[in-house]
Protein backbone atom coordinates (compact mmCIF):
# COMPACT_ATOMS: atom_id res chain seq x y z
CA MET A 1 18.35 6.71 14.18
CA SER A 2 19.54 7.68 10.76
CA GLY A 3 22.54 10.00 10.35
CA PRO A 4 22.90 12.99 8.26
CA GLY A 5 24.50 10.92 5.26
CA ALA A 6 21.23 8.63 5.17
CA VAL A 7 19.23 8.32 2.05
CA ARG A 8 16.42 10.80 2.24
CA ILE A 9 13.01 9.53 1.34
CA VAL A 10 9.66 11.46 0.92
CA LEU A 11 6.55 9.33 0.73
CA ALA A 12 4.18 10.72 -1.80
CA THR A 13 1.10 9.92 0.19
CA GLY A 14 -1.39 11.84 2.24
CA ASN A 15 -2.29 8.68 4.00
CA PRO A 16 -0.90 8.81 7.51
CA HIS A 17 -1.67 4.92 7.83
CA LYS A 18 0.77 4.33 4.90
CA VAL A 19 3.54 6.60 6.38
CA GLU A 20 3.34 4.58 9.67
CA GLU A 21 3.47 1.45 8.01
CA LEU A 22 6.24 2.27 5.45
CA GLU A 23 8.75 4.25 7.81
CA PRO A 24 9.98 1.26 10.02
CA LEU A 25 10.56 -0.91 6.76
CA LEU A 26 12.87 1.84 5.47
CA ALA A 27 15.29 1.58 8.15
CA GLY A 28 18.59 3.58 7.52
CA ALA A 29 16.66 6.23 5.61
CA ARG A 30 15.45 9.81 6.84
CA VAL A 31 11.69 9.36 6.11
CA SER A 32 9.13 12.19 5.75
CA GLY A 33 5.62 12.46 4.33
CA ALA A 34 4.20 14.62 1.55
CA PRO A 35 3.06 18.04 2.26
CA GLU A 36 -0.49 18.54 3.79
CA GLY A 37 -3.10 18.48 1.18
CA PHE A 38 -1.08 16.29 -1.36
CA ASP A 39 -3.67 14.41 -3.03
CA PRO A 40 -2.98 13.99 -6.99
CA GLU A 41 -5.74 12.62 -9.13
CA GLU A 42 -5.05 8.96 -9.68
CA THR A 43 -6.17 8.58 -13.59
CA GLY A 44 -3.95 5.31 -14.16
CA VAL A 45 -5.71 1.86 -14.85
CA THR A 46 -3.00 0.00 -13.24
CA LEU A 47 -1.28 0.16 -9.74
CA LEU A 48 2.13 0.77 -11.51
CA GLN A 49 0.64 3.90 -13.34
CA ASN A 50 -1.16 5.32 -10.25
CA ALA A 51 2.20 4.82 -8.27
CA TRP A 52 4.18 6.72 -10.83
CA ILE A 53 1.38 9.49 -11.06
CA LYS A 54 1.80 10.17 -7.19
CA ALA A 55 5.71 10.10 -7.29
CA ALA A 56 5.92 12.46 -10.45
CA ALA A 57 3.45 14.79 -8.92
CA LEU A 58 5.53 15.32 -5.79
CA ARG A 59 9.35 15.18 -7.54
CA ASP A 60 9.55 18.72 -8.36
CA ASP A 61 8.38 19.90 -5.02
CA VAL A 62 11.23 17.92 -2.88
CA ASP A 63 14.97 18.47 -2.67
CA ASP A 64 17.28 16.81 -5.17
CA ASP A 65 18.99 14.63 -2.46
CA ALA A 66 15.53 12.91 -1.84
CA VAL A 67 14.12 9.85 -3.49
CA VAL A 68 10.28 10.28 -3.86
CA LEU A 69 8.56 6.90 -3.01
CA ALA A 70 4.95 6.30 -3.94
CA ASP A 71 2.92 3.17 -3.37
CA ASP A 72 -0.47 1.97 -4.95
CA SER A 73 -1.97 -1.02 -3.44
CA GLY A 74 -5.10 -2.88 -4.24
CA LEU A 75 -7.26 -6.02 -3.32
CA VAL A 76 -7.70 -8.51 -5.96
CA VAL A 77 -10.56 -10.71 -5.43
CA HIS A 78 -10.65 -13.63 -7.99
CA ALA A 79 -14.42 -14.41 -7.93
CA LEU A 80 -14.98 -10.72 -8.89
CA GLY A 81 -12.65 -10.81 -11.93
CA GLY A 82 -9.83 -8.93 -9.94
CA ARG A 83 -12.09 -6.21 -8.45
CA PRO A 84 -11.65 -3.93 -6.55
CA GLY A 85 -8.23 -3.70 -7.90
CA VAL A 86 -7.04 -0.33 -9.00
CA PHE A 87 -10.09 1.03 -7.56
CA SER A 88 -9.69 -0.30 -3.94
CA ALA A 89 -9.72 2.79 -2.18
CA ARG A 90 -12.82 4.20 -3.72
CA TYR A 91 -14.59 1.03 -4.40
CA ALA A 92 -17.98 2.05 -2.63
CA GLY A 93 -17.84 5.58 -4.10
CA PRO A 94 -15.36 8.56 -4.31
CA ASP A 95 -15.79 9.59 -0.54
CA ALA A 96 -16.07 6.03 0.69
CA THR A 97 -14.75 5.08 4.20
CA PHE A 98 -12.70 1.95 4.96
CA ALA A 99 -15.88 0.33 6.39
CA ASP A 100 -18.14 1.34 3.44
CA ASN A 101 -15.60 -0.39 0.98
CA CYS A 102 -15.51 -3.57 3.36
CA ARG A 103 -19.30 -3.43 3.44
CA ARG A 104 -19.74 -3.34 -0.49
CA LEU A 105 -17.24 -6.15 -0.86
CA LEU A 106 -19.10 -8.36 1.55
CA GLU A 107 -22.41 -7.64 -0.33
CA GLU A 108 -20.74 -8.50 -3.59
CA LEU A 109 -19.51 -11.80 -2.16
CA GLU A 110 -22.59 -12.89 -0.34
CA GLY A 111 -23.49 -16.35 -1.34
CA VAL A 112 -19.97 -16.64 -3.36
CA GLU A 113 -17.87 -19.84 -2.37
CA ASP A 114 -14.51 -18.69 -3.95
CA ARG A 115 -13.24 -16.19 -1.72
CA SER A 116 -9.68 -16.39 -2.73
CA ALA A 117 -7.95 -13.02 -2.92
CA ALA A 118 -4.53 -11.46 -2.90
CA PHE A 119 -3.31 -8.05 -1.76
CA VAL A 120 -1.01 -6.27 -4.27
CA CYS A 121 1.42 -3.31 -3.92
CA VAL A 122 3.40 -1.46 -6.53
CA LEU A 123 6.19 1.01 -5.32
CA VAL A 124 7.70 3.63 -7.60
CA GLY A 125 10.78 5.76 -6.55
CA LEU A 126 11.97 8.63 -8.47
CA ALA A 127 15.40 10.25 -7.79
CA ALA A 128 16.09 13.90 -9.12
CA ASP A 129 18.54 12.49 -11.68
CA GLY A 130 15.75 10.71 -13.41
CA ARG A 131 16.33 7.13 -12.18
CA MET A 132 13.19 5.13 -11.39
CA TYR A 133 12.97 2.34 -9.09
CA VAL A 134 10.13 -0.33 -9.26
CA ALA A 135 9.42 -2.86 -6.50
CA SER A 136 6.24 -5.04 -6.13
CA GLY A 137 4.84 -7.42 -3.52
CA SER A 138 1.72 -9.47 -3.03
CA CYS A 139 0.11 -11.50 -0.20
CA SER A 140 -2.37 -14.44 -1.01
CA GLY A 141 -5.50 -15.10 1.17
CA THR A 142 -9.25 -15.38 1.45
CA ILE A 143 -11.89 -12.77 2.48
CA ALA A 144 -13.56 -13.44 5.65
CA PRO A 145 -17.50 -13.79 5.96
CA ALA A 146 -17.37 -10.56 8.50
CA MET A 147 -14.93 -8.00 9.55
CA ARG A 148 -12.46 -9.17 12.45
CA GLY A 149 -10.09 -7.06 14.30
CA LEU A 150 -9.56 -3.37 15.14
CA GLY A 151 -6.14 -2.87 13.81
CA GLY A 152 -4.50 -1.80 10.31
CA PHE A 153 -6.64 0.01 7.75
CA GLY A 154 -8.49 -0.55 4.47
CA TYR A 155 -9.57 -4.24 4.04
CA ASP A 156 -7.50 -5.62 6.74
CA PRO A 157 -10.48 -6.74 8.93
CA LEU A 158 -11.77 -8.75 6.03
CA PHE A 159 -8.21 -10.25 4.75
CA LEU A 160 -7.40 -13.77 6.16
CA PRO A 161 -3.55 -14.32 5.03
CA GLU A 162 -2.81 -17.84 3.76
CA GLY A 163 -1.93 -19.97 6.54
CA ASP A 164 -3.43 -17.90 9.19
CA ASP A 165 -7.05 -17.91 10.64
CA ARG A 166 -6.64 -14.10 11.84
CA SER A 167 -7.49 -11.09 9.67
CA MET A 168 -4.65 -8.54 9.03
CA ALA A 169 -6.53 -6.19 11.32
CA GLN A 170 -5.99 -8.94 14.40
CA MET A 171 -2.25 -8.89 13.67
CA THR A 172 0.65 -6.70 15.39
CA ARG A 173 2.16 -4.14 13.12
CA ASP A 174 5.22 -6.44 13.05
CA GLU A 175 3.35 -9.62 12.24
CA LYS A 176 1.50 -7.96 9.32
CA ALA A 177 4.70 -6.23 7.98
CA ALA A 178 6.53 -9.74 7.87
CA ILE A 179 3.93 -11.15 5.31
CA SER A 180 2.16 -8.13 3.73
CA HIS A 181 2.11 -7.05 0.21
CA ARG A 182 3.41 -3.47 1.24
CA GLY A 183 5.96 -5.24 3.53
CA ARG A 184 7.46 -7.28 0.64
CA ALA A 185 7.51 -4.52 -1.72
CA THR A 186 9.13 -2.16 0.68
CA ARG A 187 11.84 -4.63 1.67
CA ARG A 188 12.62 -5.00 -1.97
CA MET A 189 12.74 -1.31 -2.68
CA ALA A 190 15.05 -0.74 0.36
CA SER A 191 17.38 -3.19 -1.18
CA LEU A 192 17.16 -1.46 -4.47
CA LEU A 193 18.13 1.82 -2.58
CA GLY A 194 20.91 0.30 -0.80
CA LEU A 195 19.22 0.45 2.61
CA GLY A 196 19.97 -1.93 5.30
């Protein structure tokens, strides 16, 4: 448990899955999520821009002793020219579910031999005094021919990390965190913030 002098981090996300995934990786910090309904429009054309947009949208609404931390992540599929990329969350449309996005990806890759892909995550931290911290992480792998596993979220049931024949949705949370794009980026961010 973190003490009263611990770094305070407010995660600029309305996605409870991201809060669950990031909190254990920020050991030593007091972590909380954004207020209910937080959902700024992501108008950036890169993961970095969207992460900054989310962090900046929340910065003025939290106490000065907290660092606002935002992530933007995407799945880059080489045969699709990098798509879905920055549009990963809304690949099958603005109100798409995780399953809708996975189905669209499978349809687009039907008959495609090169199924290599990478998950990429960019984190932006904004302190009240204007300091900005940036960390990124990636995880290479391939897209499975069908969804596997019930864990994780997003494209996890389709993503087979390099060197493993299980999808990310078939791994434990700790196994996934050890190799995932978000896990790698968050450990780098924790180091920048002096945690651990």
